[in-house]
Amino acid sequence: SVNRLYASCILPDGKDYTFWGKGVSQGHSDAI
C-alpha cells in the first residue's frame, strides 16, 4: 500500500499493477 501511494504521487500520469505470488493462498486452500 505504501509503495502504491509513493509511486502514484511521483508518477501522477501512470497506472498501477499488483501481482501476487508465487505463493500459498491460505483462504483459497481452505476453500478447497
Full PDB file with SEQRES, HELIX, SHEET, SSBOND, CRYST1, ORIGX, SCALE, CONECT and MASTER records, all heavy atoms in Angstrom:
SEQRES   1 A   32  SER VAL ASN ARG LEU TYR ALA SER CYS ILE LEU PRO ASP          
SEQRES   2 A   32  GLY LYS ASP TYR THR PHE TRP GLY LYS GLY VAL SER GLN          
SEQRES   3 A   32  GLY HIS SER ASP ALA ILE                                      
HELIX    1 AA1 VAL A    2  ILE A   10  1                                   9    
HELIX    2 AA2 GLN A   26  ALA A   31  1                                   6    
CRYST1    1.000    1.000    1.000  90.00  90.00  90.00 P 1           1          
ORIGX1      1.000000  0.000000  0.000000        0.00000                         
ORIGX2      0.000000  1.000000  0.000000        0.00000                         
ORIGX3      0.000000  0.000000  1.000000        0.00000                         
SCALE1      1.000000  0.000000  0.000000        0.00000                         
SCALE2      0.000000  1.000000  0.000000        0.00000                         
SCALE3      0.000000  0.000000  1.000000        0.00000                         
ATOM      1  N   SER A   1       0.827  -1.200   0.000  1.00  0.00           N  
ATOM      2  CA  SER A   1       0.000   0.000   0.000  1.00  0.00           C  
ATOM      3  C   SER A   1       0.865   1.254   0.000  1.00  0.00           C  
ATOM      4  O   SER A   1       0.594   2.213  -0.745  1.00  0.00           O  
ATOM      5  CB  SER A   1      -0.910   0.011   1.237  1.00  0.00           C  
ATOM      6  OG  SER A   1      -1.566  -1.215   1.417  1.00  0.00           O  
ATOM      7  N   VAL A   2       1.893   1.272   0.854  1.00  0.00           N  
ATOM      8  CA  VAL A   2       2.800   2.421   0.929  1.00  0.00           C  
ATOM      9  C   VAL A   2       3.473   2.654  -0.411  1.00  0.00           C  
ATOM     10  O   VAL A   2       3.575   3.798  -0.890  1.00  0.00           O  
ATOM     11  CB  VAL A   2       3.852   2.205   2.031  1.00  0.00           C  
ATOM     12  CG1 VAL A   2       4.922   3.284   1.977  1.00  0.00           C  
ATOM     13  CG2 VAL A   2       3.194   2.185   3.402  1.00  0.00           C  
ATOM     14  N   ASN A   3       3.909   1.572  -1.045  1.00  0.00           N  
ATOM     15  CA  ASN A   3       4.600   1.716  -2.326  1.00  0.00           C  
ATOM     16  C   ASN A   3       3.656   2.156  -3.440  1.00  0.00           C  
ATOM     17  O   ASN A   3       4.051   2.918  -4.333  1.00  0.00           O  
ATOM     18  CB  ASN A   3       5.322   0.415  -2.668  1.00  0.00           C  
ATOM     19  CG  ASN A   3       6.614   0.291  -1.892  1.00  0.00           C  
ATOM     20  OD1 ASN A   3       7.635   0.800  -2.303  1.00  0.00           O  
ATOM     21  ND2 ASN A   3       6.555  -0.350  -0.733  1.00  0.00           N  
ATOM     22  N   ARG A   4       2.406   1.708  -3.400  1.00  0.00           N  
ATOM     23  CA  ARG A   4       1.429   2.201  -4.376  1.00  0.00           C  
ATOM     24  C   ARG A   4       1.215   3.702  -4.207  1.00  0.00           C  
ATOM     25  O   ARG A   4       1.114   4.446  -5.193  1.00  0.00           O  
ATOM     26  CB  ARG A   4       0.098   1.442  -4.229  1.00  0.00           C  
ATOM     27  CG  ARG A   4       0.102   0.049  -4.851  1.00  0.00           C  
ATOM     28  CD  ARG A   4      -1.298  -0.564  -4.896  1.00  0.00           C  
ATOM     29  NE  ARG A   4      -1.755  -0.984  -3.586  1.00  0.00           N  
ATOM     30  CZ  ARG A   4      -1.714  -2.244  -3.131  1.00  0.00           C  
ATOM     31  NH1 ARG A   4      -1.218  -3.204  -3.889  1.00  0.00           N  
ATOM     32  NH2 ARG A   4      -2.172  -2.547  -1.938  1.00  0.00           N  
ATOM     33  N   LEU A   5       1.152   4.153  -2.947  1.00  0.00           N  
ATOM     34  CA  LEU A   5       0.946   5.579  -2.693  1.00  0.00           C  
ATOM     35  C   LEU A   5       2.148   6.408  -3.157  1.00  0.00           C  
ATOM     36  O   LEU A   5       1.996   7.414  -3.869  1.00  0.00           O  
ATOM     37  CB  LEU A   5       0.685   5.813  -1.209  1.00  0.00           C  
ATOM     38  CG  LEU A   5       0.494   7.276  -0.791  1.00  0.00           C  
ATOM     39  CD1 LEU A   5      -0.703   7.899  -1.503  1.00  0.00           C  
ATOM     40  CD2 LEU A   5       0.338   7.399   0.721  1.00  0.00           C  
ATOM     41  N   TYR A   6       3.359   5.995  -2.752  1.00  0.00           N  
ATOM     42  CA  TYR A   6       4.558   6.716  -3.175  1.00  0.00           C  
ATOM     43  C   TYR A   6       4.627   6.822  -4.701  1.00  0.00           C  
ATOM     44  O   TYR A   6       4.878   7.880  -5.272  1.00  0.00           O  
ATOM     45  CB  TYR A   6       5.817   5.996  -2.681  1.00  0.00           C  
ATOM     46  CG  TYR A   6       6.188   6.240  -1.240  1.00  0.00           C  
ATOM     47  CD1 TYR A   6       6.862   5.263  -0.496  1.00  0.00           C  
ATOM     48  CD2 TYR A   6       5.882   7.427  -0.601  1.00  0.00           C  
ATOM     49  CE1 TYR A   6       7.218   5.478   0.825  1.00  0.00           C  
ATOM     50  CE2 TYR A   6       6.231   7.649   0.728  1.00  0.00           C  
ATOM     51  CZ  TYR A   6       6.901   6.671   1.431  1.00  0.00           C  
ATOM     52  OH  TYR A   6       7.252   6.886   2.734  1.00  0.00           O  
ATOM     53  N   ALA A   7       4.404   5.699  -5.360  1.00  0.00           N  
ATOM     54  CA  ALA A   7       4.562   5.656  -6.811  1.00  0.00           C  
ATOM     55  C   ALA A   7       3.525   6.531  -7.511  1.00  0.00           C  
ATOM     56  O   ALA A   7       3.836   7.222  -8.494  1.00  0.00           O  
ATOM     57  CB  ALA A   7       4.466   4.218  -7.310  1.00  0.00           C  
ATOM     58  N   SER A   8       2.282   6.522  -7.018  1.00  0.00           N  
ATOM     59  CA  SER A   8       1.243   7.329  -7.662  1.00  0.00           C  
ATOM     60  C   SER A   8       1.488   8.818  -7.462  1.00  0.00           C  
ATOM     61  O   SER A   8       1.099   9.636  -8.308  1.00  0.00           O  
ATOM     62  CB  SER A   8      -0.136   6.942  -7.126  1.00  0.00           C  
ATOM     63  OG  SER A   8      -0.268   7.267  -5.753  1.00  0.00           O  
ATOM     64  N   CYS A   9       2.127   9.184  -6.350  1.00  0.00           N  
ATOM     65  CA  CYS A   9       2.465  10.594  -6.118  1.00  0.00           C  
ATOM     66  C   CYS A   9       3.602  11.043  -7.038  1.00  0.00           C  
ATOM     67  O   CYS A   9       3.605  12.174  -7.545  1.00  0.00           O  
ATOM     68  CB  CYS A   9       2.877  10.807  -4.664  1.00  0.00           C  
ATOM     69  SG  CYS A   9       1.557  10.526  -3.474  1.00  0.00           S  
ATOM     70  N   ILE A  10       4.558  10.163  -7.255  1.00  0.00           N  
ATOM     71  CA  ILE A  10       5.724  10.505  -8.068  1.00  0.00           C  
ATOM     72  C   ILE A  10       5.396  10.504  -9.550  1.00  0.00           C  
ATOM     73  O   ILE A  10       5.878  11.353 -10.310  1.00  0.00           O  
ATOM     74  CB  ILE A  10       6.867   9.513  -7.754  1.00  0.00           C  
ATOM     75  CG1 ILE A  10       7.339   9.709  -6.304  1.00  0.00           C  
ATOM     76  CG2 ILE A  10       8.034   9.698  -8.715  1.00  0.00           C  
ATOM     77  CD1 ILE A  10       8.146   8.557  -5.765  1.00  0.00           C  
ATOM     78  N   LEU A  11       4.560   9.542  -9.965  1.00  0.00           N  
ATOM     79  CA  LEU A  11       4.154   9.445 -11.377  1.00  0.00           C  
ATOM     80  C   LEU A  11       2.634   9.609 -11.464  1.00  0.00           C  
ATOM     81  O   LEU A  11       1.901   8.625 -11.591  1.00  0.00           O  
ATOM     82  CB  LEU A  11       4.571   8.096 -11.969  1.00  0.00           C  
ATOM     83  CG  LEU A  11       6.074   7.832 -12.092  1.00  0.00           C  
ATOM     84  CD1 LEU A  11       6.316   6.416 -12.597  1.00  0.00           C  
ATOM     85  CD2 LEU A  11       6.734   8.847 -13.027  1.00  0.00           C  
ATOM     86  N   PRO A  12       2.140  10.845 -11.366  1.00  0.00           N  
ATOM     87  CA  PRO A  12       0.686  11.033 -11.389  1.00  0.00           C  
ATOM     88  C   PRO A  12       0.037  10.621 -12.707  1.00  0.00           C  
ATOM     89  O   PRO A  12      -1.134  10.248 -12.723  1.00  0.00           O  
ATOM     90  CB  PRO A  12       0.524  12.539 -11.144  1.00  0.00           C  
ATOM     91  CG  PRO A  12       1.833  13.143 -11.528  1.00  0.00           C  
ATOM     92  CD  PRO A  12       2.862  12.119 -11.199  1.00  0.00           C  
ATOM     93  N   ASP A  13       0.793  10.686 -13.796  1.00  0.00           N  
ATOM     94  CA  ASP A  13       0.270  10.259 -15.090  1.00  0.00           C  
ATOM     95  C   ASP A  13       0.752   8.831 -15.331  1.00  0.00           C  
ATOM     96  O   ASP A  13       1.765   8.599 -16.003  1.00  0.00           O  
ATOM     97  CB  ASP A  13       0.769  11.199 -16.188  1.00  0.00           C  
ATOM     98  CG  ASP A  13       0.043  10.974 -17.513  1.00  0.00           C  
ATOM     99  OD1 ASP A  13      -0.800  10.059 -17.564  1.00  0.00           O  
ATOM    100  OD2 ASP A  13       0.337  11.699 -18.477  1.00  0.00           O  
ATOM    101  N   GLY A  14       0.050   7.851 -14.741  1.00  0.00           N  
ATOM    102  CA  GLY A  14       0.509   6.475 -14.825  1.00  0.00           C  
ATOM    103  C   GLY A  14      -0.551   5.487 -14.419  1.00  0.00           C  
ATOM    104  O   GLY A  14      -1.724   5.836 -14.242  1.00  0.00           O  
ATOM    105  N   LYS A  15      -0.124   4.243 -14.223  1.00  0.00           N  
ATOM    106  CA  LYS A  15      -1.064   3.156 -13.948  1.00  0.00           C  
ATOM    107  C   LYS A  15      -0.428   2.154 -12.993  1.00  0.00           C  
ATOM    108  O   LYS A  15       0.756   1.829 -13.117  1.00  0.00           O  
ATOM    109  CB  LYS A  15      -1.451   2.465 -15.261  1.00  0.00           C  
ATOM    110  CG  LYS A  15      -2.594   1.480 -15.144  1.00  0.00           C  
ATOM    111  CD  LYS A  15      -3.053   1.030 -16.514  1.00  0.00           C  
ATOM    112  CE  LYS A  15      -4.247   0.101 -16.423  1.00  0.00           C  
ATOM    113  NZ  LYS A  15      -4.709  -0.335 -17.756  1.00  0.00           N  
ATOM    114  N   ASP A  16      -1.239   1.664 -12.050  1.00  0.00           N  
ATOM    115  CA  ASP A  16      -0.762   0.704 -11.046  1.00  0.00           C  
ATOM    116  C   ASP A  16      -1.074  -0.728 -11.461  1.00  0.00           C  
ATOM    117  O   ASP A  16      -2.141  -1.002 -12.023  1.00  0.00           O  
ATOM    118  CB  ASP A  16      -1.441   0.950  -9.696  1.00  0.00           C  
ATOM    119  CG  ASP A  16      -0.967   2.225  -9.028  1.00  0.00           C  
ATOM    120  OD1 ASP A  16       0.239   2.486  -9.052  1.00  0.00           O  
ATOM    121  OD2 ASP A  16      -1.819   2.952  -8.487  1.00  0.00           O  
ATOM    122  N   TYR A  17      -0.152  -1.623 -11.108  1.00  0.00           N  
ATOM    123  CA  TYR A  17      -0.356  -3.064 -11.288  1.00  0.00           C  
ATOM    124  C   TYR A  17       0.149  -3.767 -10.027  1.00  0.00           C  
ATOM    125  O   TYR A  17       1.226  -3.443  -9.512  1.00  0.00           O  
ATOM    126  CB  TYR A  17       0.412  -3.598 -12.485  1.00  0.00           C  
ATOM    127  CG  TYR A  17       0.012  -3.017 -13.819  1.00  0.00           C  
ATOM    128  CD1 TYR A  17       0.609  -1.852 -14.291  1.00  0.00           C  
ATOM    129  CD2 TYR A  17      -0.952  -3.640 -14.613  1.00  0.00           C  
ATOM    130  CE1 TYR A  17       0.251  -1.318 -15.520  1.00  0.00           C  
ATOM    131  CE2 TYR A  17      -1.318  -3.116 -15.840  1.00  0.00           C  
ATOM    132  CZ  TYR A  17      -0.716  -1.955 -16.287  1.00  0.00           C  
ATOM    133  OH  TYR A  17      -1.064  -1.428 -17.504  1.00  0.00           O  
ATOM    134  N   THR A  18      -0.611  -4.728  -9.536  1.00  0.00           N  
ATOM    135  CA  THR A  18      -0.165  -5.552  -8.421  1.00  0.00           C  
ATOM    136  C   THR A  18      -0.259  -7.017  -8.828  1.00  0.00           C  
ATOM    137  O   THR A  18      -1.307  -7.482  -9.282  1.00  0.00           O  
ATOM    138  CB  THR A  18      -1.014  -5.308  -7.165  1.00  0.00           C  
ATOM    139  OG1 THR A  18      -0.951  -3.927  -6.800  1.00  0.00           O  
ATOM    140  CG2 THR A  18      -0.495  -6.143  -5.999  1.00  0.00           C  
ATOM    141  N   PHE A  19       0.854  -7.718  -8.674  1.00  0.00           N  
ATOM    142  CA  PHE A  19       0.904  -9.159  -8.931  1.00  0.00           C  
ATOM    143  C   PHE A  19       1.224  -9.855  -7.614  1.00  0.00           C  
ATOM    144  O   PHE A  19       2.126  -9.427  -6.887  1.00  0.00           O  
ATOM    145  CB  PHE A  19       1.981  -9.501  -9.960  1.00  0.00           C  
ATOM    146  CG  PHE A  19       1.683  -9.030 -11.358  1.00  0.00           C  
ATOM    147  CD1 PHE A  19       2.045  -7.747 -11.758  1.00  0.00           C  
ATOM    148  CD2 PHE A  19       1.051  -9.857 -12.268  1.00  0.00           C  
ATOM    149  CE1 PHE A  19       1.774  -7.302 -13.048  1.00  0.00           C  
ATOM    150  CE2 PHE A  19       0.774  -9.426 -13.557  1.00  0.00           C  
ATOM    151  CZ  PHE A  19       1.136  -8.145 -13.945  1.00  0.00           C  
ATOM    152  N   TRP A  20       0.506 -10.948  -7.320  1.00  0.00           N  
ATOM    153  CA  TRP A  20       0.767 -11.711  -6.098  1.00  0.00           C  
ATOM    154  C   TRP A  20       1.351 -13.072  -6.467  1.00  0.00           C  
ATOM    155  O   TRP A  20       0.924 -13.711  -7.433  1.00  0.00           O  
ATOM    156  CB  TRP A  20      -0.524 -11.921  -5.313  1.00  0.00           C  
ATOM    157  CG  TRP A  20      -1.108 -10.641  -4.805  1.00  0.00           C  
ATOM    158  CD1 TRP A  20      -0.726  -9.930  -3.704  1.00  0.00           C  
ATOM    159  CD2 TRP A  20      -2.202  -9.912  -5.372  1.00  0.00           C  
ATOM    160  NE1 TRP A  20      -1.499  -8.812  -3.560  1.00  0.00           N  
ATOM    161  CE2 TRP A  20      -2.415  -8.769  -4.577  1.00  0.00           C  
ATOM    162  CE3 TRP A  20      -3.017 -10.110  -6.499  1.00  0.00           C  
ATOM    163  CZ2 TRP A  20      -3.408  -7.829  -4.840  1.00  0.00           C  
ATOM    164  CZ3 TRP A  20      -4.009  -9.175  -6.780  1.00  0.00           C  
ATOM    165  CH2 TRP A  20      -4.193  -8.057  -5.956  1.00  0.00           C  
ATOM    166  N   GLY A  21       2.317 -13.519  -5.674  1.00  0.00           N  
ATOM    167  CA  GLY A  21       2.868 -14.852  -5.853  1.00  0.00           C  
ATOM    168  C   GLY A  21       4.246 -14.836  -6.501  1.00  0.00           C  
ATOM    169  O   GLY A  21       4.787 -13.781  -6.786  1.00  0.00           O  
ATOM    170  N   LYS A  22       4.759 -16.026  -6.701  1.00  0.00           N  
ATOM    171  CA  LYS A  22       4.151 -17.314  -6.421  1.00  0.00           C  
ATOM    172  C   LYS A  22       4.087 -17.543  -4.919  1.00  0.00           C  
ATOM    173  O   LYS A  22       5.080 -17.372  -4.225  1.00  0.00           O  
ATOM    174  CB  LYS A  22       4.957 -18.429  -7.102  1.00  0.00           C  
ATOM    175  CG  LYS A  22       4.349 -19.805  -6.917  1.00  0.00           C  
ATOM    176  CD  LYS A  22       5.165 -20.878  -7.603  1.00  0.00           C  
ATOM    177  CE  LYS A  22       4.528 -22.260  -7.390  1.00  0.00           C  
ATOM    178  NZ  LYS A  22       5.276 -23.328  -8.057  1.00  0.00           N  
ATOM    179  N   GLY A  23       2.890 -17.952  -4.478  1.00  0.00           N  
ATOM    180  CA  GLY A  23       2.758 -18.194  -3.060  1.00  0.00           C  
ATOM    181  C   GLY A  23       1.474 -18.899  -2.696  1.00  0.00           C  
ATOM    182  O   GLY A  23       0.528 -18.990  -3.490  1.00  0.00           O  
ATOM    183  N   VAL A  24       1.441 -19.410  -1.461  1.00  0.00           N  
ATOM    184  CA  VAL A  24       0.276 -20.142  -0.959  1.00  0.00           C  
ATOM    185  C   VAL A  24      -0.800 -19.159  -0.527  1.00  0.00           C  
ATOM    186  O   VAL A  24      -0.549 -18.264   0.283  1.00  0.00           O  
ATOM    187  CB  VAL A  24       0.659 -21.036   0.239  1.00  0.00           C  
ATOM    188  CG1 VAL A  24      -0.590 -21.687   0.835  1.00  0.00           C  
ATOM    189  CG2 VAL A  24       1.661 -22.098  -0.176  1.00  0.00           C  
ATOM    190  N   SER A  25      -1.989 -19.305  -1.086  1.00  0.00           N  
ATOM    191  CA  SER A  25      -3.152 -18.560  -0.631  1.00  0.00           C  
ATOM    192  C   SER A  25      -3.880 -19.408   0.404  1.00  0.00           C  
ATOM    193  O   SER A  25      -4.455 -20.448   0.068  1.00  0.00           O  
ATOM    194  CB  SER A  25      -4.085 -18.233  -1.797  1.00  0.00           C  
ATOM    195  OG  SER A  25      -5.292 -17.692  -1.304  1.00  0.00           O  
ATOM    196  N   GLN A  26      -3.835 -18.974   1.667  1.00  0.00           N  
ATOM    197  CA  GLN A  26      -4.428 -19.784   2.730  1.00  0.00           C  
ATOM    198  C   GLN A  26      -5.949 -19.833   2.613  1.00  0.00           C  
ATOM    199  O   GLN A  26      -6.570 -20.859   2.890  1.00  0.00           O  
ATOM    200  CB  GLN A  26      -3.988 -19.242   4.089  1.00  0.00           C  
ATOM    201  CG  GLN A  26      -2.472 -19.349   4.286  1.00  0.00           C  
ATOM    202  CD  GLN A  26      -2.018 -18.870   5.650  1.00  0.00           C  
ATOM    203  OE1 GLN A  26      -2.235 -19.539   6.658  1.00  0.00           O  
ATOM    204  NE2 GLN A  26      -1.373 -17.715   5.686  1.00  0.00           N  
ATOM    205  N   GLY A  27      -6.579 -18.718   2.190  1.00  0.00           N  
ATOM    206  CA  GLY A  27      -8.026 -18.700   2.040  1.00  0.00           C  
ATOM    207  C   GLY A  27      -8.507 -19.612   0.925  1.00  0.00           C  
ATOM    208  O   GLY A  27      -9.489 -20.343   1.073  1.00  0.00           O  
ATOM    209  N   HIS A  28      -7.797 -19.596  -0.211  1.00  0.00           N  
ATOM    210  CA  HIS A  28      -8.175 -20.457  -1.331  1.00  0.00           C  
ATOM    211  C   HIS A  28      -7.916 -21.935  -1.001  1.00  0.00           C  
ATOM    212  O   HIS A  28      -8.678 -22.810  -1.406  1.00  0.00           O  
ATOM    213  CB  HIS A  28      -7.407 -20.057  -2.596  1.00  0.00           C  
ATOM    214  CG  HIS A  28      -7.930 -18.800  -3.226  1.00  0.00           C  
ATOM    215  ND1 HIS A  28      -7.816 -17.574  -2.626  1.00  0.00           N  
ATOM    216  CD2 HIS A  28      -8.569 -18.586  -4.409  1.00  0.00           C  
ATOM    217  CE1 HIS A  28      -8.362 -16.660  -3.404  1.00  0.00           C  
ATOM    218  NE2 HIS A  28      -8.837 -17.245  -4.488  1.00  0.00           N  
ATOM    219  N   SER A  29      -6.820 -22.188  -0.285  1.00  0.00           N  
ATOM    220  CA  SER A  29      -6.531 -23.560   0.127  1.00  0.00           C  
ATOM    221  C   SER A  29      -7.646 -24.093   1.030  1.00  0.00           C  
ATOM    222  O   SER A  29      -8.089 -25.240   0.896  1.00  0.00           O  
ATOM    223  CB  SER A  29      -5.187 -23.627   0.861  1.00  0.00           C  
ATOM    224  OG  SER A  29      -4.125 -23.192   0.038  1.00  0.00           O  
ATOM    225  N   ASP A  30      -8.112 -23.243   1.941  1.00  0.00           N  
ATOM    226  CA  ASP A  30      -9.190 -23.644   2.841  1.00  0.00           C  
ATOM    227  C   ASP A  30     -10.478 -23.910   2.069  1.00  0.00           C  
ATOM    228  O   ASP A  30     -11.233 -24.843   2.395  1.00  0.00           O  
ATOM    229  CB  ASP A  30      -9.424 -22.548   3.888  1.00  0.00           C  
ATOM    230  CG  ASP A  30     -10.481 -22.931   4.898  1.00  0.00           C  
ATOM    231  OD1 ASP A  30     -10.278 -23.906   5.641  1.00  0.00           O  
ATOM    232  OD2 ASP A  30     -11.530 -22.265   4.936  1.00  0.00           O  
ATOM    233  N   ALA A  31     -10.731 -23.113   1.028  1.00  0.00           N  
ATOM    234  CA  ALA A  31     -11.942 -23.307   0.221  1.00  0.00           C  
ATOM    235  C   ALA A  31     -11.935 -24.685  -0.442  1.00  0.00           C  
ATOM    236  O   ALA A  31     -12.980 -25.346  -0.536  1.00  0.00           O  
ATOM    237  CB  ALA A  31     -12.045 -22.212  -0.837  1.00  0.00           C  
ATOM    238  N   ILE A  32     -10.770 -25.140  -0.879  1.00  0.00           N  
ATOM    239  CA  ILE A  32     -10.666 -26.477  -1.484  1.00  0.00           C  
ATOM    240  C   ILE A  32     -10.890 -27.555  -0.423  1.00  0.00           C  
ATOM    241  O   ILE A  32     -11.574 -28.552  -0.662  1.00  0.00           O  
ATOM    242  CB  ILE A  32      -9.297 -26.675  -2.156  1.00  0.00           C  
ATOM    243  CG1 ILE A  32      -9.099 -25.648  -3.278  1.00  0.00           C  
ATOM    244  CG2 ILE A  32      -9.173 -28.090  -2.723  1.00  0.00           C  
ATOM    245  CD1 ILE A  32      -7.696 -25.674  -3.877  1.00  0.00           C  
TER     246      ILE A  32                                                      
MASTER        0    0    0    2    0    0    0    6  245    1    0    3          
END                                                                             
